[in-house]
C-alpha atoms as a PDB file:
ATOM      1  CA  MET A   1     143.184  96.913  78.305  1.00  0.00           C
ATOM      2  CA  HIS A   2     142.932  95.524  81.836  1.00  0.00           C
ATOM      3  CA  ARG A   3     140.257  97.230  83.957  1.00  0.00           C
ATOM      4  CA  ASP A   4     139.200  96.670  87.567  1.00  0.00           C
ATOM      5  CA  LEU A   5     135.772  95.906  88.879  1.00  0.00           C
ATOM      6  CA  GLU A   6     134.885  98.874  91.120  1.00  0.00           C
ATOM      7  CA  ILE A   7     133.185  98.235  94.455  1.00  0.00           C
ATOM      8  CA  ALA A   8     130.518 100.932  93.925  1.00  0.00           C
ATOM      9  CA  LEU A   9     129.549  99.422  90.579  1.00  0.00           C
ATOM     10  CA  LEU A  10     129.315  95.939  92.042  1.00  0.00           C
ATOM     11  CA  ARG A  11     127.194  97.131  94.909  1.00  0.00           C
ATOM     12  CA  SER A  12     124.693  98.718  92.580  1.00  0.00           C
ATOM     13  CA  PHE A  13     124.814  95.688  90.281  1.00  0.00           C
ATOM     14  CA  MET A  14     123.904  93.410  93.223  1.00  0.00           C
ATOM     15  CA  ALA A  15     121.063  95.747  94.208  1.00  0.00           C
ATOM     16  CA  VAL A  16     119.606  95.552  90.722  1.00  0.00           C
ATOM     17  CA  ALA A  17     120.088  91.792  90.631  1.00  0.00           C
ATOM     18  CA  ALA A  18     118.228  91.420  93.924  1.00  0.00           C
ATOM     19  CA  HIS A  19     115.300  93.689  93.085  1.00  0.00           C
ATOM     20  CA  LEU A  20     115.161  93.327  89.337  1.00  0.00           C
ATOM     21  CA  SER A  21     114.161  97.015  89.347  1.00  0.00           C
ATOM     22  CA  PHE A  22     116.389 100.023  88.827  1.00  0.00           C
ATOM     23  CA  THR A  23     114.111 102.214  90.811  1.00  0.00           C
ATOM     24  CA  LYS A  24     114.118  99.973  93.905  1.00  0.00           C
ATOM     25  CA  ALA A  25     117.845  99.302  93.561  1.00  0.00           C
ATOM     26  CA  ALA A  26     118.510 103.106  93.477  1.00  0.00           C
ATOM     27  CA  HIS A  27     116.637 103.574  96.794  1.00  0.00           C
ATOM     28  CA  SER A  28     118.580 100.719  98.398  1.00  0.00           C
ATOM     29  CA  VAL A  29     121.970 102.163  97.474  1.00  0.00           C
ATOM     30  CA  SER A  30     120.906 105.813  98.107  1.00  0.00           C
ATOM     31  CA  ARG A  31     121.484 106.892  94.522  1.00  0.00           C
ATOM     32  CA  THR A  32     119.238 108.252  91.758  1.00  0.00           C
ATOM     33  CA  GLN A  33     117.872 105.802  89.177  1.00  0.00           C
ATOM     34  CA  SER A  34     119.874 107.544  86.387  1.00  0.00           C
ATOM     35  CA  ALA A  35     123.074 107.169  88.425  1.00  0.00           C
ATOM     36  CA  VAL A  36     122.471 103.455  88.894  1.00  0.00           C
ATOM     37  CA  SER A  37     121.755 103.071  85.173  1.00  0.00           C
ATOM     38  CA  LEU A  38     125.041 104.762  84.372  1.00  0.00           C
ATOM     39  CA  GLN A  39     126.833 102.531  86.807  1.00  0.00           C
ATOM     40  CA  ILE A  40     125.403  99.357  85.213  1.00  0.00           C
ATOM     41  CA  LYS A  41     126.337 100.713  81.741  1.00  0.00           C
ATOM     42  CA  ARG A  42     129.953 101.269  82.958  1.00  0.00           C
ATOM     43  CA  LEU A  43     130.056  97.781  84.427  1.00  0.00           C
ATOM     44  CA  GLU A  44     128.748  96.255  81.225  1.00  0.00           C
ATOM     45  CA  GLU A  45     131.463  98.173  79.310  1.00  0.00           C
ATOM     46  CA  ILE A  46     134.117  96.736  81.681  1.00  0.00           C
ATOM     47  CA  VAL A  47     132.972  93.118  81.324  1.00  0.00           C
ATOM     48  CA  GLY A  48     132.190  93.497  77.597  1.00  0.00           C
ATOM     49  CA  LYS A  49     128.721  91.903  77.781  1.00  0.00           C
ATOM     50  CA  PRO A  50     125.234  92.880  78.828  1.00  0.00           C
ATOM     51  CA  LEU A  51     124.293  92.065  82.418  1.00  0.00           C
ATOM     52  CA  PHE A  52     120.546  92.770  82.208  1.00  0.00           C
ATOM     53  CA  GLU A  53     117.831  92.587  79.639  1.00  0.00           C
ATOM     54  CA  ARG A  54     115.627  95.683  79.973  1.00  0.00           C
ATOM     55  CA  THR A  55     112.137  96.355  78.641  1.00  0.00           C
ATOM     56  CA  ARG A  56     109.573  98.956  79.645  1.00  0.00           C
ATOM     57  CA  GLN A  57     107.798  96.387  81.847  1.00  0.00           C
ATOM     58  CA  SER A  58     110.605  94.300  83.334  1.00  0.00           C
ATOM     59  CA  VAL A  59     114.276  93.735  84.020  1.00  0.00           C
ATOM     60  CA  SER A  60     115.860  90.252  83.844  1.00  0.00           C
ATOM     61  CA  ILE A  61     119.390  89.179  84.455  1.00  0.00           C
ATOM     62  CA  THR A  62     121.521  87.639  81.687  1.00  0.00           C
ATOM     63  CA  PRO A  63     123.708  84.499  81.952  1.00  0.00           C
ATOM     64  CA  THR A  64     126.706  86.824  82.197  1.00  0.00           C
ATOM     65  CA  GLY A  65     125.007  88.699  85.009  1.00  0.00           C
ATOM     66  CA  GLU A  66     124.343  85.389  86.812  1.00  0.00           C
ATOM     67  CA  ALA A  67     127.975  84.514  86.524  1.00  0.00           C
ATOM     68  CA  LEU A  68     129.099  87.937  87.765  1.00  0.00           C
ATOM     69  CA  LYS A  69     126.801  87.657  90.818  1.00  0.00           C
ATOM     70  CA  VAL A  70     128.953  84.813  92.197  1.00  0.00           C
ATOM     71  CA  PHE A  71     132.179  86.882  91.991  1.00  0.00           C
ATOM     72  CA  ALA A  72     130.531  90.157  93.014  1.00  0.00           C
ATOM     73  CA  LYS A  73     129.236  88.588  96.237  1.00  0.00           C
ATOM     74  CA  ARG A  74     132.757  87.306  97.152  1.00  0.00           C
ATOM     75  CA  ILE A  75     134.355  90.663  96.325  1.00  0.00           C
ATOM     76  CA  LEU A  76     131.834  92.666  98.370  1.00  0.00           C
ATOM     77  CA  ILE A  77     132.104  90.307 101.338  1.00  0.00           C
ATOM     78  CA  ALA A  78     135.920  90.574 101.209  1.00  0.00           C
ATOM     79  CA  ASN A  79     135.730  94.371 100.932  1.00  0.00           C
ATOM     80  CA  ASP A  80     133.291  94.789 103.787  1.00  0.00           C
ATOM     81  CA  THR A  81     135.153  92.296 105.968  1.00  0.00           C
ATOM     82  CA  ALA A  82     138.426  94.116 105.381  1.00  0.00           C
ATOM     83  CA  LEU A  83     136.950  97.503 106.251  1.00  0.00           C
ATOM     84  CA  SER A  84     135.262  96.070 109.306  1.00  0.00           C
ATOM     85  CA  GLN A  85     138.401  94.418 110.554  1.00  0.00           C
ATOM     86  CA  ILE A  86     140.476  97.552 109.982  1.00  0.00           C
ATOM     87  CA  ARG A  87     137.970 100.065 111.272  1.00  0.00           C
ATOM     88  CA  HIS A  88     136.912  97.973 114.239  1.00  0.00           C
ATOM     89  CA  PRO A  89     139.805  95.679 115.117  1.00  0.00           C
ATOM     90  CA  GLU A  90     138.770  95.542 118.760  1.00  0.00           C
ATOM     91  CA  ALA A  91     135.069  96.375 118.598  1.00  0.00           C
ATOM     92  CA  GLU A  92     133.579  96.228 122.087  1.00  0.00           C
ATOM     93  CA  GLY A  93     130.795  97.675 124.074  1.00  0.00           C
ATOM     94  CA  ARG A  94     127.034  97.413 123.694  1.00  0.00           C
ATOM     95  CA  VAL A  95     124.768  97.944 120.677  1.00  0.00           C
ATOM     96  CA  ARG A  96     120.997  98.038 121.240  1.00  0.00           C
ATOM     97  CA  ILE A  97     119.098  96.769 118.197  1.00  0.00           C
ATOM     98  CA  GLY A  98     115.356  97.036 117.598  1.00  0.00           C
ATOM     99  CA  ALA A  99     113.252  95.142 115.055  1.00  0.00           C
ATOM    100  CA  PRO A 100     109.745  93.772 114.626  1.00  0.00           C
ATOM    101  CA  ASP A 101     109.422  90.187 115.759  1.00  0.00           C
ATOM    102  CA  ASP A 102     109.392  88.727 112.237  1.00  0.00           C
ATOM    103  CA  TYR A 103     112.537  90.617 111.187  1.00  0.00           C
ATOM    104  CA  ALA A 104     114.323  89.883 114.416  1.00  0.00           C
ATOM    105  CA  THR A 105     113.950  86.219 113.504  1.00  0.00           C
ATOM    106  CA  LEU A 106     115.410  86.973 110.068  1.00  0.00           C
ATOM    107  CA  VAL A 107     118.266  89.266 111.026  1.00  0.00           C
ATOM    108  CA  LEU A 108     119.570  87.933 114.339  1.00  0.00           C
ATOM    109  CA  PRO A 109     120.983  84.551 113.298  1.00  0.00           C
ATOM    110  CA  ILE A 110     123.251  86.082 110.637  1.00  0.00           C
ATOM    111  CA  LEU A 111     124.130  89.074 112.789  1.00  0.00           C
ATOM    112  CA  LEU A 112     125.055  87.101 115.896  1.00  0.00           C
ATOM    113  CA  SER A 113     126.973  84.520 113.892  1.00  0.00           C
ATOM    114  CA  ILE A 114     129.203  87.287 112.423  1.00  0.00           C
ATOM    115  CA  ILE A 115     129.541  89.224 115.626  1.00  0.00           C
ATOM    116  CA  ASN A 116     130.515  86.094 117.616  1.00  0.00           C
ATOM    117  CA  ALA A 117     133.115  85.102 114.988  1.00  0.00           C
ATOM    118  CA  GLU A 118     134.673  88.525 114.267  1.00  0.00           C
ATOM    119  CA  HIS A 119     133.814  90.806 117.244  1.00  0.00           C
ATOM    120  CA  PRO A 120     133.403  88.554 120.319  1.00  0.00           C
ATOM    121  CA  ARG A 121     133.783  91.523 122.712  1.00  0.00           C
ATOM    122  CA  LEU A 122     130.734  93.282 121.283  1.00  0.00           C
ATOM    123  CA  GLN A 123     127.519  92.846 123.258  1.00  0.00           C
ATOM    124  CA  ILE A 124     124.172  92.825 121.408  1.00  0.00           C
ATOM    125  CA  GLU A 125     120.855  93.674 123.082  1.00  0.00           C
ATOM    126  CA  VAL A 126     117.663  93.165 121.107  1.00  0.00           C
ATOM    127  CA  VAL A 127     114.279  94.812 121.490  1.00  0.00           C
ATOM    128  CA  CYS A 128     111.229  93.507 119.525  1.00  0.00           C
ATOM    129  CA  GLU A 129     108.534  96.140 118.955  1.00  0.00           C
ATOM    130  CA  ASN A 130     106.489  97.601 116.095  1.00  0.00           C
ATOM    131  CA  THR A 131     108.137 100.098 113.828  1.00  0.00           C
ATOM    132  CA  PRO A 132     106.509 103.308 115.281  1.00  0.00           C
ATOM    133  CA  ASP A 133     107.652 102.380 118.732  1.00  0.00           C
ATOM    134  CA  LEU A 134     111.164 101.572 117.483  1.00  0.00           C
ATOM    135  CA  LEU A 135     111.402 104.957 115.810  1.00  0.00           C
ATOM    136  CA  ARG A 136     110.423 106.700 119.051  1.00  0.00           C
ATOM    137  CA  MET A 137     113.126 104.701 120.875  1.00  0.00           C
ATOM    138  CA  ILE A 138     115.668 105.775 118.269  1.00  0.00           C
ATOM    139  CA  ASP A 139     114.697 109.436 118.737  1.00  0.00           C
ATOM    140  CA  SER A 140     114.867 109.193 122.513  1.00  0.00           C
ATOM    141  CA  GLY A 141     118.281 107.463 122.450  1.00  0.00           C
ATOM    142  CA  ASP A 142     116.938 104.177 123.885  1.00  0.00           C
ATOM    143  CA  LEU A 143     118.063 102.288 120.791  1.00  0.00           C
ATOM    144  CA  ASP A 144     121.199 102.432 118.681  1.00  0.00           C
ATOM    145  CA  VAL A 145     120.010 100.719 115.457  1.00  0.00           C
ATOM    146  CA  ALA A 146     116.497  99.832 114.332  1.00  0.00           C
ATOM    147  CA  VAL A 147     115.059  98.022 111.323  1.00  0.00           C
ATOM    148  CA  GLY A 148     111.459  98.397 110.226  1.00  0.00           C
ATOM    149  CA  VAL A 149     108.981  99.136 107.518  1.00  0.00           C
ATOM    150  CA  HIS A 150     109.678 102.467 105.836  1.00  0.00           C
ATOM    151  CA  THR A 151     106.949 105.040 106.446  1.00  0.00           C
ATOM    152  CA  PRO A 152     106.475 108.738 105.548  1.00  0.00           C
ATOM    153  CA  GLU A 153     107.661 109.421 109.152  1.00  0.00           C
ATOM    154  CA  SER A 154     110.921 107.522 108.522  1.00  0.00           C
ATOM    155  CA  VAL A 155     112.733 110.635 107.355  1.00  0.00           C
ATOM    156  CA  SER A 156     115.999 109.628 108.933  1.00  0.00           C
ATOM    157  CA  GLY A 157     115.997 106.085 107.731  1.00  0.00           C
ATOM    158  CA  GLN A 158     117.816 104.534 104.723  1.00  0.00           C
ATOM    159  CA  ILE A 159     115.852 102.193 102.556  1.00  0.00           C
ATOM    160  CA  ILE A 160     117.802  98.951 102.338  1.00  0.00           C
ATOM    161  CA  CYS A 161     115.413  96.754 100.320  1.00  0.00           C
ATOM    162  CA  TYR A 162     111.903  96.229  99.020  1.00  0.00           C
ATOM    163  CA  GLU A 163     110.026  93.169 100.162  1.00  0.00           C
ATOM    164  CA  PRO A 164     107.167  91.488  98.266  1.00  0.00           C
ATOM    165  CA  LEU A 165     104.112  90.856 100.493  1.00  0.00           C
ATOM    166  CA  HIS A 166     102.268  87.509 100.107  1.00  0.00           C
ATOM    167  CA  TRP A 167      99.069  85.959 101.364  1.00  0.00           C
ATOM    168  CA  VAL A 168      99.961  82.809 103.338  1.00  0.00           C
ATOM    169  CA  ALA A 169      98.062  79.886 104.901  1.00  0.00           C
ATOM    170  CA  SER A 170      98.709  76.284 106.115  1.00  0.00           C
ATOM    171  CA  PRO A 171      99.243  73.600 103.518  1.00  0.00           C
ATOM    172  CA  GLY A 172      95.850  72.308 102.430  1.00  0.00           C
ATOM    173  CA  TYR A 173      93.928  75.266 103.718  1.00  0.00           C
ATOM    174  CA  THR A 174      90.345  75.345 102.413  1.00  0.00           C
ATOM    175  CA  ASP A 175      88.015  78.302 102.222  1.00  0.00           C
ATOM    176  CA  ASP A 176      84.280  78.591 102.148  1.00  0.00           C
ATOM    177  CA  PRO A 177      83.466  81.454  99.747  1.00  0.00           C
ATOM    178  CA  GLU A 178      80.012  81.820 101.379  1.00  0.00           C
ATOM    179  CA  THR A 179      81.506  82.910 104.702  1.00  0.00           C
ATOM    180  CA  ALA A 180      83.645  85.845 105.713  1.00  0.00           C
ATOM    181  CA  LEU A 181      87.390  85.334 105.142  1.00  0.00           C
ATOM    182  CA  SER A 182      89.166  84.725 108.414  1.00  0.00           C
ATOM    183  CA  LEU A 183      92.383  86.779 108.846  1.00  0.00           C
ATOM    184  CA  VAL A 184      95.360  86.219 111.146  1.00  0.00           C
ATOM    185  CA  LEU A 185      97.242  89.544 111.272  1.00  0.00           C
ATOM    186  CA  TRP A 186      99.601  91.725 113.148  1.00  0.00           C
ATOM    187  CA  PRO A 187      98.204  94.596 115.322  1.00  0.00           C
ATOM    188  CA  PRO A 188      96.587  97.714 113.837  1.00  0.00           C
ATOM    189  CA  ASP A 189      99.779  99.740 113.791  1.00  0.00           C
ATOM    190  CA  CYS A 190     101.526  97.188 111.519  1.00  0.00           C
ATOM    191  CA  ALA A 191     102.154  98.302 107.900  1.00  0.00           C
ATOM    192  CA  SER A 192     101.486  94.850 106.403  1.00  0.00           C
ATOM    193  CA  ARG A 193      98.073  94.674 108.151  1.00  0.00           C
ATOM    194  CA  VAL A 194      97.110  98.183 106.789  1.00  0.00           C
ATOM    195  CA  VAL A 195      98.204  97.197 103.255  1.00  0.00           C
ATOM    196  CA  ALA A 196      96.314  93.880 103.367  1.00  0.00           C
ATOM    197  CA  LEU A 197      93.058  95.470 104.630  1.00  0.00           C
ATOM    198  CA  ASP A 198      93.310  98.271 102.110  1.00  0.00           C
ATOM    199  CA  ALA A 199      93.610  95.672  99.330  1.00  0.00           C
ATOM    200  CA  LEU A 200      90.655  93.639 100.648  1.00  0.00           C
ATOM    201  CA  LYS A 201      88.471  96.733 100.817  1.00  0.00           C
ATOM    202  CA  GLN A 202      88.820  97.058  97.046  1.00  0.00           C
ATOM    203  CA  THR A 203      87.211  93.634  96.554  1.00  0.00           C
ATOM    204  CA  GLU A 204      83.723  92.313  97.240  1.00  0.00           C
ATOM    205  CA  ARG A 205      84.982  89.572  99.550  1.00  0.00           C
ATOM    206  CA  LYS A 206      83.813  89.779 103.121  1.00  0.00           C
ATOM    207  CA  TRP A 207      86.360  89.360 105.816  1.00  0.00           C
ATOM    208  CA  ARG A 208      86.870  89.322 109.564  1.00  0.00           C
ATOM    209  CA  ILE A 209      89.925  89.513 111.827  1.00  0.00           C
ATOM    210  CA  ALA A 210      89.995  86.208 113.670  1.00  0.00           C
ATOM    211  CA  TYR A 211      93.339  86.673 115.505  1.00  0.00           C
ATOM    212  CA  SER A 212      95.840  89.429 116.082  1.00  0.00           C
ATOM    213  CA  THR A 213      99.226  89.327 117.878  1.00  0.00           C
ATOM    214  CA  ARG A 214     102.710  90.783 117.775  1.00  0.00           C
ATOM    215  CA  SER A 215     104.314  87.389 117.987  1.00  0.00           C
ATOM    216  CA  MET A 216     105.625  85.712 114.852  1.00  0.00           C
ATOM    217  CA  ALA A 217     105.520  82.364 116.493  1.00  0.00           C
ATOM    218  CA  LEU A 218     101.883  82.751 117.545  1.00  0.00           C
ATOM    219  CA  ILE A 219     100.845  83.946 114.067  1.00  0.00           C
ATOM    220  CA  GLU A 220     102.546  80.928 112.486  1.00  0.00           C
ATOM    221  CA  GLY A 221     100.843  78.617 115.035  1.00  0.00           C
ATOM    222  CA  ALA A 222      97.388  80.145 114.314  1.00  0.00           C
ATOM    223  CA  LEU A 223      97.883  79.761 110.606  1.00  0.00           C
ATOM    224  CA  LEU A 224      99.047  76.160 110.920  1.00  0.00           C
ATOM    225  CA  ASN A 225      95.933  75.442 112.994  1.00  0.00           C
ATOM    226  CA  GLY A 226      93.795  76.586 110.079  1.00  0.00           C
ATOM    227  CA  SER A 227      92.554  79.730 111.860  1.00  0.00           C
ATOM    228  CA  GLY A 228      92.691  81.778 108.621  1.00  0.00           C
ATOM    229  CA  ILE A 229      94.820  83.606 106.032  1.00  0.00           C
ATOM    230  CA  GLY A 230      97.785  85.771 106.949  1.00  0.00           C
ATOM    231  CA  VAL A 231     100.115  88.224 105.165  1.00  0.00           C
ATOM    232  CA  MET A 232     103.895  88.158 105.431  1.00  0.00           C
ATOM    233  CA  GLU A 233     106.936  89.689 103.779  1.00  0.00           C
ATOM    234  CA  ALA A 234     108.604  87.169 101.439  1.00  0.00           C
ATOM    235  CA  SER A 235     111.790  86.726 103.506  1.00  0.00           C
ATOM    236  CA  CYS A 236     109.812  86.033 106.669  1.00  0.00           C
ATOM    237  CA  ILE A 237     107.615  83.218 105.394  1.00  0.00           C
ATOM    238  CA  PRO A 238     108.454  80.015 107.280  1.00  0.00           C
ATOM    239  CA  ALA A 239     108.769  76.777 105.351  1.00  0.00           C
ATOM    240  CA  SER A 240     105.683  75.442 107.219  1.00  0.00           C
ATOM    241  CA  LEU A 241     103.376  77.877 105.337  1.00  0.00           C
ATOM    242  CA  GLN A 242     102.396  78.142 101.730  1.00  0.00           C
ATOM    243  CA  ILE A 243     101.833  81.201  99.567  1.00  0.00           C
ATOM    244  CA  VAL A 244      98.182  81.497  98.369  1.00  0.00           C
ATOM    245  CA  ASP A 245      98.418  84.653  96.195  1.00  0.00           C
ATOM    246  CA  GLY A 246      95.650  84.867  93.636  1.00  0.00           C
ATOM    247  CA  GLN A 247      93.584  82.109  95.257  1.00  0.00           C
ATOM    248  CA  ILE A 248      90.052  82.384  96.690  1.00  0.00           C
ATOM    249  CA  GLY A 249      89.645  85.899  95.301  1.00  0.00           C
ATOM    250  CA  LEU A 250      92.627  87.363  97.186  1.00  0.00           C
ATOM    251  CA  PRO A 251      93.790  90.688  95.757  1.00  0.00           C
ATOM    252  CA  PRO A 252      97.471  91.325  94.781  1.00  0.00           C
ATOM    253  CA  LEU A 253      99.624  93.055  97.385  1.00  0.00           C
ATOM    254  CA  PRO A 254     102.326  95.693  96.742  1.00  0.00           C
ATOM    255  CA  ASP A 255     105.980  95.574  97.780  1.00  0.00           C
ATOM    256  CA  ILE A 256     106.866  97.359 101.021  1.00  0.00           C
ATOM    257  CA  ALA A 257     110.132  99.254 101.726  1.00  0.00           C
ATOM    258  CA  ILE A 258     112.368  98.273 104.617  1.00  0.00           C
ATOM    259  CA  SER A 259     114.620 100.890 106.189  1.00  0.00           C
ATOM    260  CA  ILE A 260     117.392 101.024 108.817  1.00  0.00           C
ATOM    261  CA  HIS A 261     117.822 103.804 111.358  1.00  0.00           C
ATOM    262  CA  CYS A 262     120.743 104.783 113.592  1.00  0.00           C
ATOM    263  CA  SER A 263     120.685 107.065 116.567  1.00  0.00           C
ATOM    264  CA  ASN A 264     124.251 108.150 115.770  1.00  0.00           C
ATOM    265  CA  ASP A 265     125.667 107.343 112.316  1.00  0.00           C
ATOM    266  CA  ASN A 266     129.171 108.340 113.399  1.00  0.00           C
ATOM    267  CA  GLU A 267     129.302 105.717 116.160  1.00  0.00           C
ATOM    268  CA  PRO A 268     131.671 102.964 114.857  1.00  0.00           C
ATOM    269  CA  ASN A 269     129.759 100.101 116.387  1.00  0.00           C
ATOM    270  CA  ASN A 270     126.504 101.330 114.968  1.00  0.00           C
ATOM    271  CA  ASP A 271     128.097 101.480 111.501  1.00  0.00           C
ATOM    272  CA  LEU A 272     129.458  98.005 111.921  1.00  0.00           C
ATOM    273  CA  VAL A 273     126.182  96.479 112.937  1.00  0.00           C
ATOM    274  CA  SER A 274     124.289  98.418 110.184  1.00  0.00           C
ATOM    275  CA  ARG A 275     126.601  96.957 107.565  1.00  0.00           C
ATOM    276  CA  ILE A 276     126.006  93.460 108.746  1.00  0.00           C
ATOM    277  CA  ILE A 277     122.191  93.920 108.849  1.00  0.00           C
ATOM    278  CA  LYS A 278     122.191  95.247 105.321  1.00  0.00           C
ATOM    279  CA  GLY A 279     124.172  92.251 104.145  1.00  0.00           C
ATOM    280  CA  SER A 280     121.769  89.852 105.901  1.00  0.00           C
ATOM    281  CA  PHE A 281     118.807  91.392 104.105  1.00  0.00           C
ATOM    282  CA  ALA A 282     120.535  91.197 100.703  1.00  0.00           C
ATOM    283  CA  SER A 283     121.343  87.510 101.382  1.00  0.00           C
ATOM    284  CA  SER A 284     117.723  86.861 102.440  1.00  0.00           C
ATOM    285  CA  LEU A 285     116.296  88.440  99.254  1.00  0.00           C
ATOM    286  CA  ARG A 286     118.502  86.240  96.997  1.00  0.00           C
ATOM    287  CA  GLN A 287     117.521  83.109  98.909  1.00  0.00           C
ATOM    288  CA  ASP A 288     113.862  83.999  98.808  1.00  0.00           C
ATOM    289  CA  ALA A 289     114.020  84.567  95.022  1.00  0.00           C
ATOM    290  CA  ARG A 290     115.520  81.133  94.528  1.00  0.00           C
ATOM    291  CA  ARG A 291     112.935  79.526  96.866  1.00  0.00           C
ATOM    292  CA  LEU A 292     109.997  81.119  94.976  1.00  0.00           C
ATOM    293  CA  GLN A 293     111.442  80.014  91.670  1.00  0.00           C
ATOM    294  CA  ARG A 294     111.541  76.359  92.917  1.00  0.00           C
ATOM    295  CA  SER A 295     107.988  76.438  94.270  1.00  0.00           C
END
């Protein structure tokens, strides 16, 4: 019997494929873990083959799942593009977007490319600040859409993905274990800095903060000059830097959640921009997974 591939099932499938975790996928699609598991089971019944191999410790995608990813991506893009064109045929006006500097670099190229091609009358303004400041700007109405690290205070935000954190340094970086580890980090109110320092405090390694800035370009420059070790989300690591996890006594780092916030969810332009941003993060996660597999 012929059966159709449902959009909701494909969206949850792509979330599981990106995160290889049902728990994280459930957060990213705003469903319970049991609901996502049932959706994947329904999708496997439709295609007639397993899409994931599941154990208590891990989730891996099957060859059938890899094949479906190609078609699912095309179907979801076509679906979202159709909805966008129908709902916002003449999108115009201004949307104020906020993001930390590293994520602005990640999101903006994809966002602006789509906006310029499909909604040329829509004006985009960008503010780069840390997440706490962005949330205050959302609450005060000074921003329309914001992306940042999910925190307990982010009650209004929707988690869109989970990002692995990595220790990074310049290629060929050498460390003297007899001296304090030099760190190049974001300012004190940055979540990745807090996570990194909390992890280091659980070790016996001495450390010092050599350099701190809000600028992604300045952090990259300091690391390339050999000023120390940094910590970055997987999708934000530039090709000029190398991952040094597990080296020189560095502790493992947890994943962090990324969320999106809107000052008015019912504003059509906000909905349009939010959809594009979510898509750019999903694309970035898949590219990052392939890059790490090759390295």
